[in-house]
C-alpha atoms as a PDB file:
ATOM      1  CA  MET A   1       0.000   0.000   0.000  1.00  0.00           C
ATOM      2  CA  TYR A   2       2.915   2.298   0.688  1.00  0.00           C
ATOM      3  CA  HIS A   3       6.578   2.032   1.523  1.00  0.00           C
ATOM      4  CA  GLN A   4       8.033   3.825   4.533  1.00  0.00           C
ATOM      5  CA  ASN A   5      11.450   5.250   3.654  1.00  0.00           C
ATOM      6  CA  ASN A   6      14.318   5.452   6.104  1.00  0.00           C
ATOM      7  CA  THR A   7      15.774   8.986   6.223  1.00  0.00           C
ATOM      8  CA  TYR A   8      17.089   9.821   9.644  1.00  0.00           C
ATOM      9  CA  MET A   9      17.192   8.611  13.213  1.00  0.00           C
ATOM     10  CA  LYS A  10      16.345  10.236  16.508  1.00  0.00           C
ATOM     11  CA  ASN A  11      16.483   8.847  20.045  1.00  0.00           C
ATOM     12  CA  ILE A  12      14.712   5.821  21.493  1.00  0.00           C
ATOM     13  CA  LEU A  13      13.192   5.445  24.959  1.00  0.00           C
ATOM     14  CA  ILE A  14      13.254   2.015  26.616  1.00  0.00           C
ATOM     15  CA  PRO A  15      11.549   1.871  30.039  1.00  0.00           C
ATOM     16  CA  SER A  16      13.222  -0.987  31.875  1.00  0.00           C
ATOM     17  CA  THR A  17      13.503  -2.965  35.093  1.00  0.00           C
ATOM     18  CA  LEU A  18      16.583  -4.625  33.584  1.00  0.00           C
ATOM     19  CA  GLU A  19      14.832  -7.927  33.001  1.00  0.00           C
ATOM     20  CA  PRO A  20      16.437 -10.122  30.287  1.00  0.00           C
ATOM     21  CA  ASP A  21      13.959  -8.933  27.630  1.00  0.00           C
ATOM     22  CA  THR A  22      15.589  -5.490  27.861  1.00  0.00           C
ATOM     23  CA  ILE A  23      18.373  -7.064  25.788  1.00  0.00           C
ATOM     24  CA  ASN A  24      15.859  -7.829  23.020  1.00  0.00           C
ATOM     25  CA  ALA A  25      14.636  -4.229  23.126  1.00  0.00           C
ATOM     26  CA  VAL A  26      18.186  -2.950  22.689  1.00  0.00           C
ATOM     27  CA  LYS A  27      18.781  -5.382  19.803  1.00  0.00           C
ATOM     28  CA  ILE A  28      15.636  -4.190  18.022  1.00  0.00           C
ATOM     29  CA  ALA A  29      16.548  -0.531  18.639  1.00  0.00           C
ATOM     30  CA  ILE A  30      20.018  -1.039  17.180  1.00  0.00           C
ATOM     31  CA  GLN A  31      18.549  -2.895  14.222  1.00  0.00           C
ATOM     32  CA  GLN A  32      16.067  -0.108  13.507  1.00  0.00           C
ATOM     33  CA  SER A  33      18.792   2.548  13.723  1.00  0.00           C
ATOM     34  CA  LYS A  34      19.986   1.285  10.313  1.00  0.00           C
ATOM     35  CA  GLY A  35      23.563   2.282  11.093  1.00  0.00           C
ATOM     36  CA  LYS A  36      22.682   5.919  11.844  1.00  0.00           C
ATOM     37  CA  LYS A  37      23.696   7.716  15.020  1.00  0.00           C
ATOM     38  CA  CYS A  38      21.169   7.142  17.773  1.00  0.00           C
ATOM     39  CA  THR A  39      20.980   7.365  21.560  1.00  0.00           C
ATOM     40  CA  LEU A  40      19.058   4.720  23.487  1.00  0.00           C
ATOM     41  CA  PHE A  41      17.765   5.903  26.850  1.00  0.00           C
ATOM     42  CA  LEU A  42      17.133   3.142  29.390  1.00  0.00           C
ATOM     43  CA  VAL A  43      14.661   4.685  31.834  1.00  0.00           C
ATOM     44  CA  LEU A  44      14.668   3.283  35.356  1.00  0.00           C
ATOM     45  CA  ALA A  45      11.589   4.648  37.124  1.00  0.00           C
ATOM     46  CA  GLU A  46      11.233   4.727  40.903  1.00  0.00           C
ATOM     47  CA  GLU A  47       8.713   6.097  43.371  1.00  0.00           C
ATOM     48  CA  ILE A  48       9.566   9.359  45.111  1.00  0.00           C
ATOM     49  CA  PRO A  49      10.592   8.366  48.672  1.00  0.00           C
ATOM     50  CA  ASP A  50       8.042   9.419  51.287  1.00  0.00           C
ATOM     51  CA  THR A  51      10.298  11.313  53.676  1.00  0.00           C
ATOM     52  CA  HIS A  52      10.942  14.856  54.830  1.00  0.00           C
ATOM     53  CA  SER A  53      14.640  14.237  55.503  1.00  0.00           C
ATOM     54  CA  SER A  54      16.995  15.206  52.661  1.00  0.00           C
ATOM     55  CA  ALA A  55      19.595  12.641  53.766  1.00  0.00           C
ATOM     56  CA  THR A  56      17.025   9.837  53.937  1.00  0.00           C
ATOM     57  CA  PHE A  57      15.637  10.900  50.566  1.00  0.00           C
ATOM     58  CA  LEU A  58      19.044  10.689  48.901  1.00  0.00           C
ATOM     59  CA  ARG A  59      19.885   7.344  50.519  1.00  0.00           C
ATOM     60  CA  SER A  60      16.580   5.775  49.462  1.00  0.00           C
ATOM     61  CA  MET A  61      17.097   6.923  45.881  1.00  0.00           C
ATOM     62  CA  LYS A  62      20.307   4.903  45.573  1.00  0.00           C
ATOM     63  CA  SER A  63      18.791   1.505  44.887  1.00  0.00           C
ATOM     64  CA  GLU A  64      21.355  -1.220  44.290  1.00  0.00           C
ATOM     65  CA  MET A  65      21.135  -3.408  41.215  1.00  0.00           C
ATOM     66  CA  THR A  66      20.951  -7.156  41.593  1.00  0.00           C
ATOM     67  CA  VAL A  67      23.591  -9.395  40.022  1.00  0.00           C
ATOM     68  CA  SER A  68      21.220 -10.360  37.197  1.00  0.00           C
ATOM     69  CA  GLN A  69      20.352  -6.714  36.508  1.00  0.00           C
ATOM     70  CA  LYS A  70      24.027  -5.820  36.309  1.00  0.00           C
ATOM     71  CA  LYS A  71      24.579  -8.644  33.810  1.00  0.00           C
ATOM     72  CA  VAL A  72      21.702  -7.415  31.632  1.00  0.00           C
ATOM     73  CA  LEU A  73      23.089  -3.880  31.652  1.00  0.00           C
ATOM     74  CA  GLU A  74      26.600  -5.127  30.868  1.00  0.00           C
ATOM     75  CA  TYR A  75      25.303  -7.150  27.919  1.00  0.00           C
ATOM     76  CA  CYS A  76      23.368  -4.140  26.603  1.00  0.00           C
ATOM     77  CA  ARG A  77      26.528  -2.034  26.755  1.00  0.00           C
ATOM     78  CA  GLU A  78      28.425  -4.719  24.839  1.00  0.00           C
ATOM     79  CA  LEU A  79      25.767  -4.663  22.115  1.00  0.00           C
ATOM     80  CA  ILE A  80      26.051  -0.880  21.906  1.00  0.00           C
ATOM     81  CA  THR A  81      29.832  -1.083  21.581  1.00  0.00           C
ATOM     82  CA  ILE A  82      29.528  -3.617  18.756  1.00  0.00           C
ATOM     83  CA  SER A  83      26.970  -1.441  16.941  1.00  0.00           C
ATOM     84  CA  GLN A  84      29.462   1.470  16.660  1.00  0.00           C
ATOM     85  CA  ASN A  85      26.675   3.924  15.794  1.00  0.00           C
ATOM     86  CA  CYS A  86      24.483   3.832  18.918  1.00  0.00           C
ATOM     87  CA  THR A  87      25.091   5.148  22.411  1.00  0.00           C
ATOM     88  CA  LEU A  88      23.418   4.043  25.649  1.00  0.00           C
ATOM     89  CA  LYS A  89      22.432   6.327  28.501  1.00  0.00           C
ATOM     90  CA  ILE A  90      20.725   5.493  31.796  1.00  0.00           C
ATOM     91  CA  HIS A  91      18.017   7.903  32.916  1.00  0.00           C
ATOM     92  CA  TYR A  92      16.744   7.637  36.494  1.00  0.00           C
ATOM     93  CA  GLN A  93      13.172   8.930  36.766  1.00  0.00           C
ATOM     94  CA  TYR A  94      11.741   9.504  40.242  1.00  0.00           C
ATOM     95  CA  GLY A  95       7.992   9.839  40.060  1.00  0.00           C
ATOM     96  CA  ILE A  96       6.025  10.434  36.879  1.00  0.00           C
ATOM     97  CA  SER A  97       3.102  12.542  35.708  1.00  0.00           C
ATOM     98  CA  ALA A  98       1.686  13.595  32.349  1.00  0.00           C
ATOM     99  CA  PRO A  99       3.621  16.916  32.294  1.00  0.00           C
ATOM    100  CA  LEU A 100       6.833  15.150  33.378  1.00  0.00           C
ATOM    101  CA  MET A 101       6.409  12.549  30.632  1.00  0.00           C
ATOM    102  CA  ARG A 102       5.865  15.191  27.946  1.00  0.00           C
ATOM    103  CA  ASN A 103       8.916  17.119  29.161  1.00  0.00           C
ATOM    104  CA  LEU A 104      10.990  13.934  29.279  1.00  0.00           C
ATOM    105  CA  ILE A 105      10.114  12.979  25.694  1.00  0.00           C
ATOM    106  CA  GLN A 106      10.766  16.517  24.477  1.00  0.00           C
ATOM    107  CA  HIS A 107      14.009  16.999  26.408  1.00  0.00           C
ATOM    108  CA  LEU A 108      15.487  13.655  25.317  1.00  0.00           C
ATOM    109  CA  GLU A 109      14.209  14.158  21.735  1.00  0.00           C
ATOM    110  CA  ILE A 110      12.470  10.781  21.719  1.00  0.00           C
ATOM    111  CA  GLU A 111      11.053   9.550  18.424  1.00  0.00           C
ATOM    112  CA  LEU A 112      10.122   6.039  19.515  1.00  0.00           C
ATOM    113  CA  ALA A 113       9.467   4.159  22.759  1.00  0.00           C
ATOM    114  CA  ILE A 114       9.979   0.405  23.036  1.00  0.00           C
ATOM    115  CA  LEU A 115       8.033  -1.578  25.641  1.00  0.00           C
ATOM    116  CA  THR A 116       9.015  -5.087  26.695  1.00  0.00           C
ATOM    117  CA  PRO A 117       6.529  -7.766  27.842  1.00  0.00           C
ATOM    118  CA  SER A 118       7.971  -7.720  31.365  1.00  0.00           C
ATOM    119  CA  TYR A 119       7.487  -3.963  31.702  1.00  0.00           C
ATOM    120  CA  ARG A 120       3.892  -4.063  30.438  1.00  0.00           C
ATOM    121  CA  LYS A 121       3.025  -6.805  32.925  1.00  0.00           C
ATOM    122  CA  THR A 122       4.755  -5.241  35.903  1.00  0.00           C
ATOM    123  CA  GLU A 123       2.966  -5.189  39.250  1.00  0.00           C
ATOM    124  CA  ARG A 124       4.686  -2.069  40.566  1.00  0.00           C
ATOM    125  CA  LYS A 125       2.572   1.074  40.672  1.00  0.00           C
ATOM    126  CA  ILE A 126       5.253   3.403  39.245  1.00  0.00           C
ATOM    127  CA  HIS A 127       5.823   1.196  36.199  1.00  0.00           C
ATOM    128  CA  ASN A 128       2.107   0.690  35.601  1.00  0.00           C
ATOM    129  CA  GLN A 129       1.606   4.440  35.797  1.00  0.00           C
ATOM    130  CA  PHE A 130       4.562   5.062  33.479  1.00  0.00           C
ATOM    131  CA  VAL A 131       3.077   2.846  30.748  1.00  0.00           C
ATOM    132  CA  GLN A 132      -0.407   4.330  30.981  1.00  0.00           C
ATOM    133  CA  ILE A 133       0.883   7.914  30.844  1.00  0.00           C
ATOM    134  CA  LEU A 134       3.179   6.995  27.948  1.00  0.00           C
ATOM    135  CA  ASN A 135       0.166   5.573  26.088  1.00  0.00           C
ATOM    136  CA  ASN A 136      -1.500   8.987  26.347  1.00  0.00           C
ATOM    137  CA  CYS A 137       1.483  10.703  24.703  1.00  0.00           C
ATOM    138  CA  LYS A 138       1.907  11.196  20.974  1.00  0.00           C
ATOM    139  CA  CYS A 139       5.130   9.185  20.843  1.00  0.00           C
ATOM    140  CA  PRO A 140       4.909   5.973  18.745  1.00  0.00           C
ATOM    141  CA  ILE A 141       5.303   2.845  20.874  1.00  0.00           C
ATOM    142  CA  LEU A 142       6.711  -0.477  19.709  1.00  0.00           C
ATOM    143  CA  HIS A 143       5.357  -3.323  21.869  1.00  0.00           C
ATOM    144  CA  LEU A 144       7.671  -6.316  21.693  1.00  0.00           C
ATOM    145  CA  SER A 145       6.282  -9.844  21.790  1.00  0.00           C
ATOM    146  CA  SER A 146       7.397 -12.555  24.173  1.00  0.00           C
ATOM    147  CA  ASN A 147       9.528 -14.340  21.560  1.00  0.00           C
ATOM    148  CA  CYS A 148      10.802 -11.168  19.930  1.00  0.00           C
ATOM    149  CA  GLU A 149      14.558 -11.114  19.513  1.00  0.00           C
ATOM    150  CA  GLU A 150      15.466  -9.850  16.095  1.00  0.00           C
ATOM    151  CA  TYR A 151      12.816  -9.115  13.491  1.00  0.00           C
ATOM    152  CA  ASP A 152      13.317  -7.501  10.102  1.00  0.00           C
ATOM    153  CA  LEU A 153       9.964  -5.704  10.473  1.00  0.00           C
ATOM    154  CA  THR A 154       9.508  -5.431   6.717  1.00  0.00           C
ATOM    155  CA  LYS A 155       5.868  -6.525   6.249  1.00  0.00           C
ATOM    156  CA  ALA A 156       3.094  -5.008   8.337  1.00  0.00           C
ATOM    157  CA  MET A 157      -0.618  -5.516   8.860  1.00  0.00           C
ATOM    158  CA  TYR A 158      -2.698  -2.471   9.816  1.00  0.00           C
ATOM    159  CA  LEU A 159      -5.419  -3.366  12.339  1.00  0.00           C
ATOM    160  CA  LYS A 160      -7.904  -0.609  11.660  1.00  0.00           C
ATOM    161  CA  GLN A 161     -10.318   0.131  14.491  1.00  0.00           C
ATOM    162  CA  SER A 162     -13.957   0.281  13.442  1.00  0.00           C
ATOM    163  CA  LYS A 163     -14.266   3.885  14.660  1.00  0.00           C
ATOM    164  CA  SER A 164     -10.901   5.021  13.356  1.00  0.00           C
ATOM    165  CA  LYS A 165     -10.820   7.573  10.551  1.00  0.00           C
ATOM    166  CA  LEU A 166      -7.212   6.833   9.629  1.00  0.00           C
ATOM    167  CA  GLN A 167      -6.601   5.118   6.322  1.00  0.00           C
ATOM    168  CA  PRO A 168      -3.356   3.213   5.554  1.00  0.00           C
ATOM    169  CA  GLU A 169      -2.016   6.113   3.488  1.00  0.00           C
ATOM    170  CA  ASP A 170      -2.630   8.469   6.430  1.00  0.00           C
ATOM    171  CA  LEU A 171      -0.293   6.504   8.698  1.00  0.00           C
ATOM    172  CA  GLN A 172       2.854   7.728   6.994  1.00  0.00           C
ATOM    173  CA  GLU A 173       2.951  11.010   8.906  1.00  0.00           C
ATOM    174  CA  LEU A 174       2.635   9.163  12.220  1.00  0.00           C
ATOM    175  CA  ILE A 175       5.319   6.534  11.689  1.00  0.00           C
ATOM    176  CA  PRO A 176       8.934   7.227  12.765  1.00  0.00           C
ATOM    177  CA  ASN A 177      11.161   7.815   9.759  1.00  0.00           C
ATOM    178  CA  HIS A 178      13.635   5.066  10.575  1.00  0.00           C
ATOM    179  CA  PHE A 179      11.110   2.257  10.008  1.00  0.00           C
ATOM    180  CA  ASP A 180      11.401   0.647   6.607  1.00  0.00           C
ATOM    181  CA  PHE A 181       8.444  -1.598   5.842  1.00  0.00           C
ATOM    182  CA  LYS A 182       5.425  -2.136   3.621  1.00  0.00           C
ATOM    183  CA  ILE A 183       1.839  -2.392   4.791  1.00  0.00           C
ATOM    184  CA  VAL A 184       0.794  -5.472   2.870  1.00  0.00           C
ATOM    185  CA  SER A 185      -2.441  -6.323   4.658  1.00  0.00           C
ATOM    186  CA  LEU A 186      -5.393  -4.536   6.261  1.00  0.00           C
ATOM    187  CA  ALA A 187      -7.909  -5.792   8.824  1.00  0.00           C
ATOM    188  CA  THR A 188     -10.942  -3.623   9.613  1.00  0.00           C
ATOM    189  CA  ASP A 189     -13.887  -3.593  11.996  1.00  0.00           C
ATOM    190  CA  PHE A 190     -12.283  -6.346  14.066  1.00  0.00           C
ATOM    191  CA  ASN A 191     -13.880  -5.107  17.295  1.00  0.00           C
ATOM    192  CA  ASP A 192     -17.260  -6.327  16.042  1.00  0.00           C
ATOM    193  CA  GLN A 193     -16.112  -9.872  15.309  1.00  0.00           C
ATOM    194  CA  ASN A 194     -16.166 -12.994  17.417  1.00  0.00           C
ATOM    195  CA  PRO A 195     -12.721 -13.192  19.153  1.00  0.00           C
ATOM    196  CA  GLU A 196     -12.069 -16.770  18.004  1.00  0.00           C
ATOM    197  CA  ASP A 197     -13.146 -16.082  14.417  1.00  0.00           C
ATOM    198  CA  LEU A 198     -11.016 -12.938  14.431  1.00  0.00           C
ATOM    199  CA  LYS A 199      -7.950 -14.765  15.700  1.00  0.00           C
ATOM    200  CA  SER A 200      -8.336 -17.520  13.110  1.00  0.00           C
ATOM    201  CA  SER A 201      -8.795 -15.149  10.150  1.00  0.00           C
ATOM    202  CA  LEU A 202      -5.969 -12.851  11.201  1.00  0.00           C
ATOM    203  CA  ASN A 203      -3.582 -15.743  11.816  1.00  0.00           C
ATOM    204  CA  GLU A 204      -4.337 -16.995   8.319  1.00  0.00           C
ATOM    205  CA  ALA A 205      -3.606 -13.562   6.837  1.00  0.00           C
ATOM    206  CA  ILE A 206      -0.425 -13.231   8.920  1.00  0.00           C
ATOM    207  CA  VAL A 207       0.946 -16.556   7.692  1.00  0.00           C
ATOM    208  CA  LYS A 208      -0.125 -15.997   4.088  1.00  0.00           C
ATOM    209  CA  ASN A 209       1.466 -12.539   3.861  1.00  0.00           C
ATOM    210  CA  LYS A 210       4.472 -13.378   6.088  1.00  0.00           C
ATOM    211  CA  ILE A 211       3.583 -10.518   8.435  1.00  0.00           C
ATOM    212  CA  ASP A 212       6.210  -9.648  11.066  1.00  0.00           C
ATOM    213  CA  LEU A 213       4.678  -6.427  12.436  1.00  0.00           C
ATOM    214  CA  LEU A 214       1.178  -5.322  13.431  1.00  0.00           C
ATOM    215  CA  ILE A 215       0.138  -1.663  13.413  1.00  0.00           C
ATOM    216  CA  GLU A 216      -2.645  -0.247  15.539  1.00  0.00           C
ATOM    217  CA  THR A 217      -3.747   3.203  16.656  1.00  0.00           C
ATOM    218  CA  ARG A 218      -4.610   4.414  20.132  1.00  0.00           C
ATOM    219  CA  LYS A 219      -6.396   7.337  21.721  1.00  0.00           C
ATOM    220  CA  PRO A 220      -5.918   8.847  25.192  1.00  0.00           C
ATOM    221  CA  LYS A 221      -7.633   7.015  28.044  1.00  0.00           C
ATOM    222  CA  LYS A 222      -8.332   7.747  31.673  1.00  0.00           C
ATOM    223  CA  ILE A 223      -5.496   6.418  33.810  1.00  0.00           C
ATOM    224  CA  LYS A 224      -6.521   3.629  36.187  1.00  0.00           C
ATOM    225  CA  LEU A 225      -3.596   2.566  38.317  1.00  0.00           C
ATOM    226  CA  LYS A 226      -5.162  -0.728  39.373  1.00  0.00           C
ATOM    227  CA  ASN A 227      -5.449  -1.958  35.795  1.00  0.00           C
ATOM    228  CA  LYS A 228      -2.735  -4.114  34.308  1.00  0.00           C
ATOM    229  CA  ASN A 229      -1.140  -2.949  31.087  1.00  0.00           C
ATOM    230  CA  THR A 230      -2.333  -5.352  28.428  1.00  0.00           C
ATOM    231  CA  ASN A 231      -2.677  -5.231  24.682  1.00  0.00           C
ATOM    232  CA  THR A 232      -5.658  -6.822  22.950  1.00  0.00           C
ATOM    233  CA  ASN A 233      -3.492  -8.054  20.083  1.00  0.00           C
ATOM    234  CA  GLU A 234      -0.751  -9.719  22.136  1.00  0.00           C
ATOM    235  CA  ASN A 235      -2.093 -13.205  21.379  1.00  0.00           C
ATOM    236  CA  PHE A 236      -0.718 -12.941  17.830  1.00  0.00           C
ATOM    237  CA  ASP A 237       2.800 -13.003  19.311  1.00  0.00           C
ATOM    238  CA  LEU A 238       4.134 -10.311  16.971  1.00  0.00           C
ATOM    239  CA  PRO A 239       5.602  -6.867  17.639  1.00  0.00           C
ATOM    240  CA  ILE A 240       2.936  -4.151  17.594  1.00  0.00           C
ATOM    241  CA  LEU A 241       3.593  -0.570  16.539  1.00  0.00           C
ATOM    242  CA  SER A 242       1.064   1.614  18.347  1.00  0.00           C
ATOM    243  CA  LEU A 243       0.470   5.067  16.842  1.00  0.00           C
ATOM    244  CA  TYR A 244      -1.288   7.940  18.560  1.00  0.00           C
ATOM    245  CA  GLU A 245      -4.423   8.937  16.710  1.00  0.00           C
ATOM    246  CA  ARG A 246      -5.377  12.551  17.191  1.00  0.00           C
ATOM    247  CA  VAL A 247      -8.799  13.141  18.704  1.00  0.00           C
ATOM    248  CA  LEU A 248     -10.759  15.405  16.350  1.00  0.00           C
END
């Protein structure tokens, strides 16, 4: 339907708890950089300590990494060194709100956020809040699947919401410039279908067209901190590029 050309690369945001799937996120980010200069920001979010003492506040903010977390971070740094074009920076974020998120994305010049399965399914309040606020921002979000290590991301299927006004050709202005893929399939009005029938028909189309990326749009939602961060299309076990659809 159209081909997304790769022209330049900006920075990528990867919220992380330094679980092993962070390594996959870094691999995908490096792959999508296409050899262009890019900074990957690993964001480690923590609650603001509830204390009136400055000394206690500073001590509580210095959380030690576990051995496994240190190994994940070391491996990510090795991948960055091998890439030769990417750099890795750690950003500690204490507390989060909608204004803070917008400022963070603007200040770090983020063009794309990558979310891992472990981060989406986190039980911690700060991480749950981070994801929900991020979903209300205009930044494109790439949701990685559980088996996602290295995908070419060359053939995409657009899952068009029944109430969405965006057509495939309209997506081009919303998609980060460093993606290089073709939308080769389109599924519409899938919210009105039986879930099992939908899954069967979409799986058939995915296999037939050799789809390795799903595209969906999202609109801002009310933040509910008790809700888990889930994606309705996760059962297809493919990466999902979520694009912010402006509310008219």
